[in-house]
Amino acid sequence: MSGGRGYGAVVGAVAAAGAIGPEQLEHYRRELTGYCYRMLGSIHEAEDAVQDTMLRAWRALATFEDRTGLRPWLYRIATNICLDMLKHRSRRALPMDVAPVATSEARRGDARPESTWIQPAPDSLILPDDPAERAVSRESVRLAFIAALQHLAPRQRAVLILRDVLRWRAEEVAVLLETSADAVNSTLRRARVALSTVDAAPAAT
């Protein structure tokens, strides 16, 4: 995973200085991984994004001001990282896009690289330990839902996940994205319409 060595070095230096302990950031690793997985559609990219989030957070701790809390701050870093990653790659292809199903065209040589697929993620990496919370969260990491999210514009995706999946208030999302609550609600409405169009497409074919 990229940045692991640098993260360890920064953790040691900051912990030695008596600042926020590593366990306080690590507490959020799993939920951040679930968030980044929904944003990126790849557990490998999600883990890299979270590792980068942790590294950037440690490096910025000296200037961190607890105005809104550690969790929203980490989500802002993770969101910016995901949005930046999405700018640098095209929309991820679905496994069923590799070749037509049940035809002779599905030749082995036609398969696209695994990195272009929407990838399932182990529950242990993205779902909470609490059984009740896990049951509620499981629906939002179904492969079909993750695939549908990838059809949304990156900013719409972030707003929909934060509002409808993680249940953040519009004002909280507005602070994270440095915009207004009205803009967040407008983006959310467009995201819901776009997502319903994606969900209805298979039924219409």
N, C-alpha and C. Protein backbone atom coordinates (compact mmCIF):
# COMPACT_ATOMS: atom_id res chain seq x y z
N MET A 1 0.84 -1.19 0.00
CA MET A 1 0.00 0.00 0.00
C MET A 1 0.88 1.24 0.00
N SER A 2 0.59 2.24 -0.77
CA SER A 2 1.44 3.40 -0.92
C SER A 2 1.44 4.23 0.35
N GLY A 3 2.63 4.78 0.67
CA GLY A 3 2.73 5.70 1.79
C GLY A 3 2.82 5.06 3.15
N GLY A 4 2.85 3.72 3.26
CA GLY A 4 2.85 3.06 4.55
C GLY A 4 4.05 3.42 5.39
N ARG A 5 5.26 3.42 4.76
CA ARG A 5 6.48 3.72 5.50
C ARG A 5 6.48 5.16 5.99
N GLY A 6 6.07 6.10 5.10
CA GLY A 6 6.02 7.50 5.50
C GLY A 6 5.03 7.73 6.62
N TYR A 7 3.89 7.06 6.56
CA TYR A 7 2.88 7.18 7.61
C TYR A 7 3.43 6.74 8.94
N GLY A 8 4.15 5.59 8.94
CA GLY A 8 4.71 5.08 10.18
C GLY A 8 5.71 6.04 10.80
N ALA A 9 6.52 6.67 9.94
CA ALA A 9 7.52 7.61 10.44
C ALA A 9 6.85 8.84 11.06
N VAL A 10 5.82 9.35 10.38
CA VAL A 10 5.12 10.52 10.90
C VAL A 10 4.40 10.19 12.19
N VAL A 11 3.76 9.00 12.24
CA VAL A 11 3.06 8.56 13.46
C VAL A 11 4.02 8.57 14.63
N GLY A 12 5.22 8.00 14.44
CA GLY A 12 6.19 7.93 15.52
C GLY A 12 6.60 9.30 16.01
N ALA A 13 6.84 10.21 15.07
CA ALA A 13 7.29 11.55 15.43
C ALA A 13 6.21 12.31 16.19
N VAL A 14 4.97 12.25 15.70
CA VAL A 14 3.88 12.99 16.33
C VAL A 14 3.54 12.39 17.69
N ALA A 15 3.49 11.05 17.76
CA ALA A 15 3.17 10.40 19.03
C ALA A 15 4.21 10.76 20.08
N ALA A 16 5.50 10.81 19.67
CA ALA A 16 6.57 11.14 20.59
C ALA A 16 6.42 12.56 21.12
N ALA A 17 5.83 13.43 20.32
CA ALA A 17 5.65 14.82 20.72
C ALA A 17 4.45 15.00 21.63
N GLY A 18 3.72 13.92 21.89
CA GLY A 18 2.59 13.98 22.80
C GLY A 18 1.33 14.52 22.20
N ALA A 19 1.19 14.50 20.88
CA ALA A 19 0.00 15.00 20.22
C ALA A 19 -1.06 13.90 20.21
N ILE A 20 -2.06 14.04 19.32
CA ILE A 20 -3.12 13.03 19.20
C ILE A 20 -2.50 11.67 18.98
N GLY A 21 -2.93 10.67 19.75
CA GLY A 21 -2.37 9.34 19.63
C GLY A 21 -2.83 8.63 18.37
N PRO A 22 -2.05 7.66 17.87
CA PRO A 22 -2.41 6.96 16.64
C PRO A 22 -3.74 6.25 16.73
N GLU A 23 -4.11 5.79 17.93
CA GLU A 23 -5.38 5.08 18.07
C GLU A 23 -6.57 5.99 17.79
N GLN A 24 -6.41 7.29 17.97
CA GLN A 24 -7.52 8.21 17.72
C GLN A 24 -7.82 8.34 16.23
N LEU A 25 -6.78 8.26 15.40
CA LEU A 25 -7.00 8.26 13.96
C LEU A 25 -7.41 6.88 13.47
N GLU A 26 -6.75 5.86 14.00
CA GLU A 26 -7.03 4.49 13.56
C GLU A 26 -8.48 4.10 13.85
N HIS A 27 -9.08 4.73 14.84
CA HIS A 27 -10.47 4.46 15.18
C HIS A 27 -11.39 4.68 13.98
N TYR A 28 -11.00 5.58 13.08
CA TYR A 28 -11.84 5.93 11.94
C TYR A 28 -11.46 5.21 10.64
N ARG A 29 -10.45 4.37 10.70
CA ARG A 29 -9.95 3.75 9.47
C ARG A 29 -11.03 2.92 8.77
N ARG A 30 -11.76 2.10 9.50
CA ARG A 30 -12.73 1.21 8.86
C ARG A 30 -13.87 2.00 8.21
N GLU A 31 -14.43 2.97 8.92
CA GLU A 31 -15.54 3.72 8.32
C GLU A 31 -15.06 4.58 7.16
N LEU A 32 -13.83 5.08 7.23
CA LEU A 32 -13.29 5.83 6.11
C LEU A 32 -13.05 4.92 4.90
N THR A 33 -12.64 3.69 5.17
CA THR A 33 -12.45 2.73 4.08
C THR A 33 -13.77 2.43 3.40
N GLY A 34 -14.84 2.28 4.19
CA GLY A 34 -16.16 2.06 3.61
C GLY A 34 -16.61 3.24 2.78
N TYR A 35 -16.34 4.44 3.26
CA TYR A 35 -16.71 5.65 2.52
C TYR A 35 -15.94 5.73 1.20
N CYS A 36 -14.64 5.55 1.26
CA CYS A 36 -13.81 5.63 0.05
C CYS A 36 -14.14 4.49 -0.92
N TYR A 37 -14.52 3.34 -0.40
CA TYR A 37 -14.92 2.24 -1.28
C TYR A 37 -16.18 2.60 -2.05
N ARG A 38 -17.14 3.22 -1.39
CA ARG A 38 -18.35 3.64 -2.09
C ARG A 38 -18.03 4.71 -3.14
N MET A 39 -17.07 5.57 -2.82
CA MET A 39 -16.69 6.63 -3.75
C MET A 39 -15.94 6.07 -4.96
N LEU A 40 -15.05 5.11 -4.76
CA LEU A 40 -14.11 4.69 -5.79
C LEU A 40 -14.45 3.36 -6.46
N GLY A 41 -15.24 2.51 -5.78
CA GLY A 41 -15.61 1.23 -6.37
C GLY A 41 -14.52 0.19 -6.34
N SER A 42 -13.43 0.46 -5.66
CA SER A 42 -12.30 -0.48 -5.58
C SER A 42 -11.79 -0.49 -4.15
N ILE A 43 -11.72 -1.66 -3.55
CA ILE A 43 -11.23 -1.75 -2.17
C ILE A 43 -9.75 -1.42 -2.11
N HIS A 44 -9.02 -1.76 -3.18
CA HIS A 44 -7.58 -1.46 -3.18
C HIS A 44 -7.34 0.04 -3.24
N GLU A 45 -8.07 0.74 -4.10
CA GLU A 45 -7.94 2.19 -4.18
C GLU A 45 -8.46 2.84 -2.90
N ALA A 46 -9.50 2.26 -2.31
CA ALA A 46 -10.04 2.80 -1.06
C ALA A 46 -9.01 2.73 0.06
N GLU A 47 -8.33 1.61 0.16
CA GLU A 47 -7.31 1.46 1.20
C GLU A 47 -6.17 2.44 0.98
N ASP A 48 -5.78 2.63 -0.28
CA ASP A 48 -4.73 3.61 -0.59
C ASP A 48 -5.18 5.02 -0.23
N ALA A 49 -6.46 5.33 -0.53
CA ALA A 49 -6.99 6.66 -0.23
C ALA A 49 -7.01 6.91 1.28
N VAL A 50 -7.38 5.90 2.05
CA VAL A 50 -7.42 6.05 3.50
C VAL A 50 -6.01 6.17 4.07
N GLN A 51 -5.08 5.40 3.52
CA GLN A 51 -3.70 5.52 3.98
C GLN A 51 -3.17 6.94 3.71
N ASP A 52 -3.49 7.47 2.55
CA ASP A 52 -3.09 8.83 2.22
C ASP A 52 -3.77 9.83 3.15
N THR A 53 -5.04 9.56 3.47
CA THR A 53 -5.77 10.42 4.40
C THR A 53 -5.08 10.46 5.76
N MET A 54 -4.70 9.30 6.27
CA MET A 54 -4.04 9.21 7.56
C MET A 54 -2.70 9.96 7.54
N LEU A 55 -1.95 9.78 6.47
CA LEU A 55 -0.66 10.43 6.35
C LEU A 55 -0.80 11.95 6.31
N ARG A 56 -1.75 12.43 5.50
CA ARG A 56 -1.97 13.88 5.41
C ARG A 56 -2.46 14.43 6.75
N ALA A 57 -3.30 13.66 7.43
CA ALA A 57 -3.81 14.11 8.73
C ALA A 57 -2.68 14.26 9.73
N TRP A 58 -1.80 13.27 9.79
CA TRP A 58 -0.68 13.34 10.73
C TRP A 58 0.21 14.53 10.42
N ARG A 59 0.45 14.77 9.15
CA ARG A 59 1.32 15.87 8.76
C ARG A 59 0.70 17.24 9.08
N ALA A 60 -0.63 17.28 9.12
CA ALA A 60 -1.32 18.56 9.34
C ALA A 60 -1.77 18.75 10.78
N LEU A 61 -1.46 17.81 11.66
CA LEU A 61 -1.96 17.90 13.03
C LEU A 61 -1.50 19.16 13.75
N ALA A 62 -0.33 19.66 13.39
CA ALA A 62 0.19 20.85 14.07
C ALA A 62 -0.71 22.06 13.82
N THR A 63 -1.42 22.06 12.70
CA THR A 63 -2.30 23.19 12.37
C THR A 63 -3.78 22.86 12.55
N PHE A 64 -4.06 21.66 13.07
CA PHE A 64 -5.45 21.23 13.23
C PHE A 64 -6.12 22.01 14.35
N GLU A 65 -7.26 22.60 14.04
CA GLU A 65 -8.07 23.30 15.04
C GLU A 65 -9.41 22.59 15.16
N ASP A 66 -9.74 22.15 16.35
CA ASP A 66 -10.93 21.33 16.56
C ASP A 66 -12.19 22.17 16.55
N ARG A 67 -12.51 22.76 15.40
CA ARG A 67 -13.71 23.58 15.30
C ARG A 67 -14.95 22.72 15.02
N THR A 68 -14.79 21.69 14.23
CA THR A 68 -15.93 20.83 13.91
C THR A 68 -15.70 19.39 14.35
N GLY A 69 -14.51 19.06 14.83
CA GLY A 69 -14.24 17.72 15.28
C GLY A 69 -13.29 16.96 14.37
N LEU A 70 -12.67 15.94 14.92
CA LEU A 70 -11.69 15.15 14.19
C LEU A 70 -12.33 14.37 13.04
N ARG A 71 -13.50 13.79 13.28
CA ARG A 71 -14.16 12.97 12.24
C ARG A 71 -14.48 13.77 10.98
N PRO A 72 -15.17 14.91 11.09
CA PRO A 72 -15.44 15.69 9.87
C PRO A 72 -14.17 16.12 9.16
N TRP A 73 -13.14 16.43 9.91
CA TRP A 73 -11.86 16.82 9.31
C TRP A 73 -11.27 15.70 8.49
N LEU A 74 -11.30 14.47 9.04
CA LEU A 74 -10.78 13.31 8.30
C LEU A 74 -11.62 13.04 7.05
N TYR A 75 -12.93 13.19 7.18
CA TYR A 75 -13.79 12.98 6.01
C TYR A 75 -13.52 14.03 4.93
N ARG A 76 -13.22 15.25 5.34
CA ARG A 76 -12.90 16.28 4.34
C ARG A 76 -11.63 15.90 3.58
N ILE A 77 -10.61 15.44 4.31
CA ILE A 77 -9.37 15.02 3.66
C ILE A 77 -9.64 13.85 2.72
N ALA A 78 -10.38 12.85 3.20
CA ALA A 78 -10.67 11.66 2.40
C ALA A 78 -11.47 12.02 1.16
N THR A 79 -12.44 12.92 1.32
CA THR A 79 -13.26 13.33 0.18
C THR A 79 -12.41 14.01 -0.88
N ASN A 80 -11.54 14.91 -0.47
CA ASN A 80 -10.68 15.59 -1.43
C ASN A 80 -9.76 14.62 -2.16
N ILE A 81 -9.26 13.64 -1.43
CA ILE A 81 -8.39 12.63 -2.05
C ILE A 81 -9.18 11.82 -3.08
N CYS A 82 -10.38 11.39 -2.71
CA CYS A 82 -11.20 10.61 -3.64
C CYS A 82 -11.57 11.42 -4.88
N LEU A 83 -11.96 12.67 -4.68
CA LEU A 83 -12.32 13.52 -5.82
C LEU A 83 -11.12 13.70 -6.75
N ASP A 84 -9.95 13.84 -6.16
CA ASP A 84 -8.74 13.99 -6.97
C ASP A 84 -8.43 12.70 -7.74
N MET A 85 -8.60 11.55 -7.08
CA MET A 85 -8.37 10.27 -7.75
C MET A 85 -9.35 10.06 -8.90
N LEU A 86 -10.60 10.47 -8.69
CA LEU A 86 -11.61 10.28 -9.72
C LEU A 86 -11.37 11.18 -10.94
N LYS A 87 -10.70 12.29 -10.72
CA LYS A 87 -10.37 13.17 -11.84
C LYS A 87 -9.35 12.52 -12.77
N HIS A 88 -8.57 11.60 -12.22
CA HIS A 88 -7.44 11.05 -12.97
C HIS A 88 -7.70 9.67 -13.54
N ARG A 89 -8.93 9.24 -13.49
CA ARG A 89 -9.24 7.98 -14.16
C ARG A 89 -10.65 8.01 -14.70
N SER A 90 -10.89 7.22 -15.73
CA SER A 90 -12.22 7.16 -16.35
C SER A 90 -13.14 6.31 -15.49
N ARG A 91 -14.44 6.40 -15.77
CA ARG A 91 -15.42 5.62 -15.01
C ARG A 91 -15.08 4.13 -15.06
N ARG A 92 -15.06 3.53 -13.88
CA ARG A 92 -14.71 2.11 -13.76
C ARG A 92 -15.73 1.23 -14.48
N ALA A 93 -15.23 0.22 -15.20
CA ALA A 93 -16.11 -0.69 -15.94
C ALA A 93 -16.64 -1.77 -15.01
N LEU A 94 -17.83 -2.24 -15.30
CA LEU A 94 -18.43 -3.32 -14.52
C LEU A 94 -17.92 -4.66 -15.01
N PRO A 95 -17.89 -5.70 -14.13
CA PRO A 95 -17.47 -7.02 -14.58
C PRO A 95 -18.28 -7.52 -15.76
N MET A 96 -19.60 -7.22 -15.81
CA MET A 96 -20.42 -7.70 -16.91
C MET A 96 -20.11 -6.99 -18.22
N ASP A 97 -19.30 -5.90 -18.15
CA ASP A 97 -18.91 -5.20 -19.37
C ASP A 97 -17.75 -5.87 -20.08
N VAL A 98 -17.14 -6.87 -19.44
CA VAL A 98 -15.96 -7.50 -20.03
C VAL A 98 -16.30 -8.12 -21.37
N ALA A 99 -17.41 -8.83 -21.47
CA ALA A 99 -17.85 -9.43 -22.73
C ALA A 99 -19.30 -9.84 -22.58
N PRO A 100 -20.06 -9.98 -23.67
CA PRO A 100 -21.45 -10.43 -23.58
C PRO A 100 -21.54 -11.77 -22.88
N VAL A 101 -22.58 -11.92 -22.08
CA VAL A 101 -22.77 -13.14 -21.31
C VAL A 101 -23.23 -14.28 -22.21
N ALA A 102 -22.71 -15.48 -21.94
CA ALA A 102 -23.15 -16.72 -22.61
C ALA A 102 -23.02 -16.64 -24.13
N THR A 103 -21.94 -16.06 -24.62
CA THR A 103 -21.68 -16.05 -26.05
C THR A 103 -20.24 -16.46 -26.29
N SER A 104 -19.95 -16.83 -27.52
CA SER A 104 -18.59 -17.23 -27.87
C SER A 104 -17.64 -16.05 -27.88
N GLU A 105 -18.19 -14.82 -27.73
CA GLU A 105 -17.35 -13.63 -27.74
C GLU A 105 -16.59 -13.45 -26.45
N ALA A 106 -17.00 -14.19 -25.41
CA ALA A 106 -16.36 -14.04 -24.11
C ALA A 106 -15.04 -14.81 -24.08
N ARG A 107 -14.13 -14.46 -24.96
CA ARG A 107 -12.84 -15.14 -25.04
C ARG A 107 -11.94 -14.62 -23.93
N ARG A 108 -11.06 -15.48 -23.46
CA ARG A 108 -10.17 -15.13 -22.36
C ARG A 108 -9.34 -13.88 -22.69
N GLY A 109 -8.91 -13.77 -23.92
CA GLY A 109 -8.08 -12.65 -24.29
C GLY A 109 -8.79 -11.32 -24.31
N ASP A 110 -10.15 -11.35 -24.25
CA ASP A 110 -10.92 -10.12 -24.28
C ASP A 110 -11.07 -9.48 -22.91
N ALA A 111 -10.73 -10.23 -21.86
CA ALA A 111 -10.96 -9.73 -20.50
C ALA A 111 -10.14 -8.48 -20.24
N ARG A 112 -10.77 -7.50 -19.59
CA ARG A 112 -10.08 -6.29 -19.21
C ARG A 112 -9.31 -6.52 -17.92
N PRO A 113 -8.32 -5.69 -17.63
CA PRO A 113 -7.57 -5.85 -16.38
C PRO A 113 -8.49 -5.78 -15.18
N GLU A 114 -8.13 -6.52 -14.11
CA GLU A 114 -8.97 -6.55 -12.91
C GLU A 114 -9.16 -5.16 -12.33
N SER A 115 -8.16 -4.27 -12.52
CA SER A 115 -8.23 -2.94 -11.96
C SER A 115 -9.35 -2.10 -12.56
N THR A 116 -9.95 -2.54 -13.67
CA THR A 116 -11.04 -1.78 -14.28
C THR A 116 -12.40 -2.26 -13.81
N TRP A 117 -12.46 -3.21 -12.88
CA TRP A 117 -13.73 -3.76 -12.43
C TRP A 117 -14.21 -3.09 -11.15
N ILE A 118 -15.51 -3.13 -10.96
CA ILE A 118 -16.07 -2.84 -9.65
C ILE A 118 -15.78 -4.05 -8.79
N GLN A 119 -15.14 -3.85 -7.66
CA GLN A 119 -14.65 -4.97 -6.87
C GLN A 119 -15.39 -5.10 -5.54
N PRO A 120 -15.80 -6.31 -5.17
CA PRO A 120 -16.39 -6.51 -3.85
C PRO A 120 -15.34 -6.30 -2.77
N ALA A 121 -15.79 -5.96 -1.57
CA ALA A 121 -14.87 -5.71 -0.46
C ALA A 121 -15.24 -6.59 0.72
N PRO A 122 -14.25 -7.11 1.45
CA PRO A 122 -14.53 -7.91 2.65
C PRO A 122 -15.26 -7.09 3.71
N ASP A 123 -16.26 -7.69 4.33
CA ASP A 123 -17.01 -6.98 5.38
C ASP A 123 -16.09 -6.47 6.48
N SER A 124 -15.04 -7.23 6.79
CA SER A 124 -14.16 -6.88 7.89
C SER A 124 -13.41 -5.57 7.67
N LEU A 125 -13.34 -5.12 6.41
CA LEU A 125 -12.62 -3.89 6.10
C LEU A 125 -13.51 -2.66 6.05
N ILE A 126 -14.82 -2.86 5.85
CA ILE A 126 -15.68 -1.71 5.56
C ILE A 126 -16.93 -1.61 6.43
N LEU A 127 -17.31 -2.68 7.13
CA LEU A 127 -18.54 -2.65 7.93
C LEU A 127 -18.22 -2.57 9.42
N PRO A 128 -19.07 -1.91 10.21
CA PRO A 128 -18.82 -1.79 11.65
C PRO A 128 -18.94 -3.12 12.36
N ASP A 129 -18.35 -3.20 13.56
CA ASP A 129 -18.38 -4.44 14.34
C ASP A 129 -19.77 -4.70 14.92
N ASP A 130 -20.47 -3.65 15.31
CA ASP A 130 -21.78 -3.80 15.94
C ASP A 130 -22.75 -4.49 14.98
N PRO A 131 -23.37 -5.62 15.38
CA PRO A 131 -24.25 -6.37 14.47
C PRO A 131 -25.41 -5.55 13.91
N ALA A 132 -26.01 -4.70 14.74
CA ALA A 132 -27.13 -3.89 14.27
C ALA A 132 -26.67 -2.87 13.23
N GLU A 133 -25.56 -2.21 13.50
CA GLU A 133 -25.02 -1.24 12.55
C GLU A 133 -24.57 -1.93 11.27
N ARG A 134 -24.01 -3.12 11.43
CA ARG A 134 -23.54 -3.87 10.26
C ARG A 134 -24.71 -4.24 9.35
N ALA A 135 -25.83 -4.64 9.94
CA ALA A 135 -27.00 -5.01 9.14
C ALA A 135 -27.53 -3.82 8.36
N VAL A 136 -27.52 -2.64 8.98
CA VAL A 136 -27.99 -1.44 8.30
C VAL A 136 -27.04 -1.02 7.19
N SER A 137 -25.74 -1.14 7.44
CA SER A 137 -24.74 -0.68 6.49
C SER A 137 -24.56 -1.61 5.30
N ARG A 138 -24.90 -2.89 5.46
CA ARG A 138 -24.61 -3.88 4.42
C ARG A 138 -25.27 -3.53 3.09
N GLU A 139 -26.49 -2.99 3.14
CA GLU A 139 -27.21 -2.67 1.91
C GLU A 139 -26.46 -1.64 1.07
N SER A 140 -25.74 -0.74 1.75
CA SER A 140 -25.06 0.34 1.04
C SER A 140 -23.71 -0.07 0.45
N VAL A 141 -23.32 -1.32 0.65
CA VAL A 141 -22.08 -1.80 0.03
C VAL A 141 -22.35 -2.99 -0.90
N ARG A 142 -23.64 -3.20 -1.24
CA ARG A 142 -23.94 -4.21 -2.25
C ARG A 142 -23.24 -3.83 -3.55
N LEU A 143 -22.79 -4.83 -4.28
CA LEU A 143 -22.04 -4.57 -5.50
C LEU A 143 -22.88 -3.77 -6.50
N ALA A 144 -24.18 -4.06 -6.59
CA ALA A 144 -25.04 -3.35 -7.53
C ALA A 144 -25.14 -1.87 -7.16
N PHE A 145 -25.21 -1.57 -5.86
CA PHE A 145 -25.29 -0.18 -5.42
C PHE A 145 -23.97 0.54 -5.67
N ILE A 146 -22.85 -0.13 -5.37
CA ILE A 146 -21.54 0.46 -5.62
C ILE A 146 -21.38 0.76 -7.11
N ALA A 147 -21.82 -0.17 -7.95
CA ALA A 147 -21.74 0.04 -9.40
C ALA A 147 -22.60 1.21 -9.83
N ALA A 148 -23.80 1.32 -9.28
CA ALA A 148 -24.69 2.42 -9.65
C ALA A 148 -24.10 3.77 -9.24
N LEU A 149 -23.44 3.81 -8.09
CA LEU A 149 -22.83 5.06 -7.63
C LEU A 149 -21.80 5.58 -8.63
N GLN A 150 -21.11 4.66 -9.31
CA GLN A 150 -20.04 5.08 -10.22
C GLN A 150 -20.57 5.83 -11.43
N HIS A 151 -21.89 5.79 -11.67
CA HIS A 151 -22.49 6.53 -12.77
C HIS A 151 -22.73 8.00 -12.40
N LEU A 152 -22.62 8.33 -11.13
CA LEU A 152 -22.84 9.70 -10.69
C LEU A 152 -21.57 10.53 -10.86
N ALA A 153 -21.75 11.83 -11.06
CA ALA A 153 -20.61 12.74 -11.05
C ALA A 153 -19.97 12.66 -9.66
N PRO A 154 -18.65 12.79 -9.57
CA PRO A 154 -17.96 12.61 -8.28
C PRO A 154 -18.55 13.42 -7.12
N ARG A 155 -18.86 14.68 -7.36
CA ARG A 155 -19.39 15.52 -6.28
C ARG A 155 -20.80 15.07 -5.89
N GLN A 156 -21.61 14.68 -6.87
CA GLN A 156 -22.93 14.13 -6.57
C GLN A 156 -22.79 12.86 -5.73
N ARG A 157 -21.83 12.05 -6.10
CA ARG A 157 -21.59 10.79 -5.38
C ARG A 157 -21.26 11.06 -3.91
N ALA A 158 -20.37 12.03 -3.68
CA ALA A 158 -19.98 12.35 -2.31
C ALA A 158 -21.18 12.85 -1.51
N VAL A 159 -21.97 13.73 -2.10
CA VAL A 159 -23.14 14.28 -1.40
C VAL A 159 -24.14 13.18 -1.09
N LEU A 160 -24.44 12.33 -2.04
CA LEU A 160 -25.43 11.27 -1.82
C LEU A 160 -24.97 10.30 -0.74
N ILE A 161 -23.70 9.93 -0.77
CA ILE A 161 -23.18 9.00 0.25
C ILE A 161 -23.24 9.65 1.63
N LEU A 162 -22.78 10.87 1.72
CA LEU A 162 -22.76 11.55 3.02
C LEU A 162 -24.17 11.79 3.56
N ARG A 163 -25.09 12.15 2.70
CA ARG A 163 -26.45 12.48 3.15
C ARG A 163 -27.32 11.24 3.33
N ASP A 164 -27.38 10.38 2.32
CA ASP A 164 -28.34 9.27 2.35
C ASP A 164 -27.79 8.01 3.00
N VAL A 165 -26.49 7.80 2.92
CA VAL A 165 -25.90 6.58 3.51
C VAL A 165 -25.40 6.86 4.93
N LEU A 166 -24.61 7.91 5.08
CA LEU A 166 -24.02 8.20 6.38
C LEU A 166 -24.88 9.13 7.23
N ARG A 167 -25.95 9.68 6.65
CA ARG A 167 -26.94 10.47 7.38
C ARG A 167 -26.38 11.77 7.96
N TRP A 168 -25.46 12.39 7.24
CA TRP A 168 -24.99 13.70 7.65
C TRP A 168 -26.07 14.73 7.34
N ARG A 169 -26.13 15.79 8.12
CA ARG A 169 -27.04 16.88 7.84
C ARG A 169 -26.50 17.73 6.69
N ALA A 170 -27.39 18.40 6.00
CA ALA A 170 -26.98 19.22 4.85
C ALA A 170 -25.95 20.26 5.27
N GLU A 171 -26.12 20.83 6.45
CA GLU A 171 -25.18 21.85 6.93
C GLU A 171 -23.79 21.26 7.15
N GLU A 172 -23.75 20.02 7.62
CA GLU A 172 -22.45 19.37 7.84
C GLU A 172 -21.74 19.10 6.52
N VAL A 173 -22.50 18.63 5.54
CA VAL A 173 -21.92 18.36 4.22
C VAL A 173 -21.47 19.66 3.58
N ALA A 174 -22.22 20.73 3.79
CA ALA A 174 -21.87 22.03 3.23
C ALA A 174 -20.53 22.51 3.77
N VAL A 175 -20.31 22.30 5.06
CA VAL A 175 -19.03 22.70 5.66
C VAL A 175 -17.90 21.87 5.06
N LEU A 176 -18.13 20.57 4.93
CA LEU A 176 -17.10 19.68 4.38
C LEU A 176 -16.73 20.07 2.96
N LEU A 177 -17.73 20.37 2.13
CA LEU A 177 -17.50 20.68 0.72
C LEU A 177 -17.30 22.16 0.46
N GLU A 178 -17.35 22.95 1.53
CA GLU A 178 -17.16 24.40 1.42
C GLU A 178 -18.16 25.01 0.43
N THR A 179 -19.43 24.73 0.69
CA THR A 179 -20.51 25.26 -0.13
C THR A 179 -21.69 25.57 0.78
N SER A 180 -22.86 25.82 0.21
CA SER A 180 -24.03 26.13 1.03
C SER A 180 -24.93 24.91 1.19
N ALA A 181 -25.78 24.95 2.22
CA ALA A 181 -26.72 23.85 2.44
C ALA A 181 -27.70 23.75 1.27
N ASP A 182 -28.09 24.88 0.71
CA ASP A 182 -28.99 24.86 -0.45
C ASP A 182 -28.33 24.17 -1.63
N ALA A 183 -27.04 24.43 -1.85
CA ALA A 183 -26.32 23.77 -2.95
C ALA A 183 -26.21 22.27 -2.71
N VAL A 184 -26.01 21.89 -1.46
CA VAL A 184 -25.95 20.47 -1.11
C VAL A 184 -27.28 19.79 -1.41
N ASN A 185 -28.38 20.41 -1.00
CA ASN A 185 -29.69 19.82 -1.24
C ASN A 185 -30.02 19.74 -2.72
N SER A 186 -29.61 20.73 -3.47
CA SER A 186 -29.82 20.72 -4.92
C SER A 186 -29.01 19.59 -5.57
N THR A 187 -27.77 19.44 -5.15
CA THR A 187 -26.92 18.36 -5.68
C THR A 187 -27.50 17.01 -5.30
N LEU A 188 -28.02 16.89 -4.08
CA LEU A 188 -28.60 15.63 -3.64
C LEU A 188 -29.82 15.25 -4.49
N ARG A 189 -30.66 16.22 -4.80
CA ARG A 189 -31.83 15.94 -5.63
C ARG A 189 -31.41 15.42 -7.01
N ARG A 190 -30.41 16.07 -7.61
CA ARG A 190 -29.93 15.63 -8.92
C ARG A 190 -29.31 14.25 -8.84
N ALA A 191 -28.60 13.97 -7.76
CA ALA A 191 -27.97 12.66 -7.58
C ALA A 191 -29.02 11.57 -7.44
N ARG A 192 -30.08 11.84 -6.69
CA ARG A 192 -31.14 10.85 -6.52
C ARG A 192 -31.84 10.54 -7.84
N VAL A 193 -32.09 11.59 -8.62
CA VAL A 193 -32.72 11.39 -9.93
C VAL A 193 -31.81 10.57 -10.83
N ALA A 194 -30.53 10.91 -10.85
CA ALA A 194 -29.59 10.18 -11.70
C ALA A 194 -29.47 8.73 -11.26
N LEU A 195 -29.47 8.50 -9.95
CA LEU A 195 -29.34 7.15 -9.44
C LEU A 195 -30.59 6.33 -9.76
N SER A 196 -31.77 6.94 -9.66
CA SER A 196 -33.00 6.22 -10.00
C SER A 196 -33.04 5.87 -11.48
N THR A 197 -32.45 6.72 -12.32
CA THR A 197 -32.37 6.43 -13.76
C THR A 197 -31.48 5.22 -14.00
N VAL A 198 -30.37 5.15 -13.29
CA VAL A 198 -29.45 4.00 -13.42
C VAL A 198 -30.16 2.74 -12.95
N ASP A 199 -30.86 2.81 -11.81
CA ASP A 199 -31.56 1.64 -11.27
C ASP A 199 -32.67 1.16 -12.20
N ALA A 200 -33.31 2.10 -12.91
CA ALA A 200 -34.43 1.72 -13.79
C ALA A 200 -33.96 1.20 -15.13
N ALA A 201 -32.72 1.46 -15.50
CA ALA A 201 -32.24 1.08 -16.83
C ALA A 201 -32.34 -0.41 -17.10
N PRO A 202 -31.90 -1.31 -16.18
CA PRO A 202 -32.02 -2.75 -16.47
C PRO A 202 -33.45 -3.20 -16.67
N ALA A 203 -34.36 -2.59 -15.90
CA ALA A 203 -35.77 -3.00 -16.02
C ALA A 203 -36.37 -2.58 -17.37
N ALA A 204 -35.79 -1.53 -17.96
CA ALA A 204 -36.34 -1.04 -19.22
C ALA A 204 -35.79 -1.76 -20.44
N THR A 205 -34.72 -2.57 -20.22
CA THR A 205 -34.12 -3.28 -21.35
C THR A 205 -34.75 -4.62 -21.55
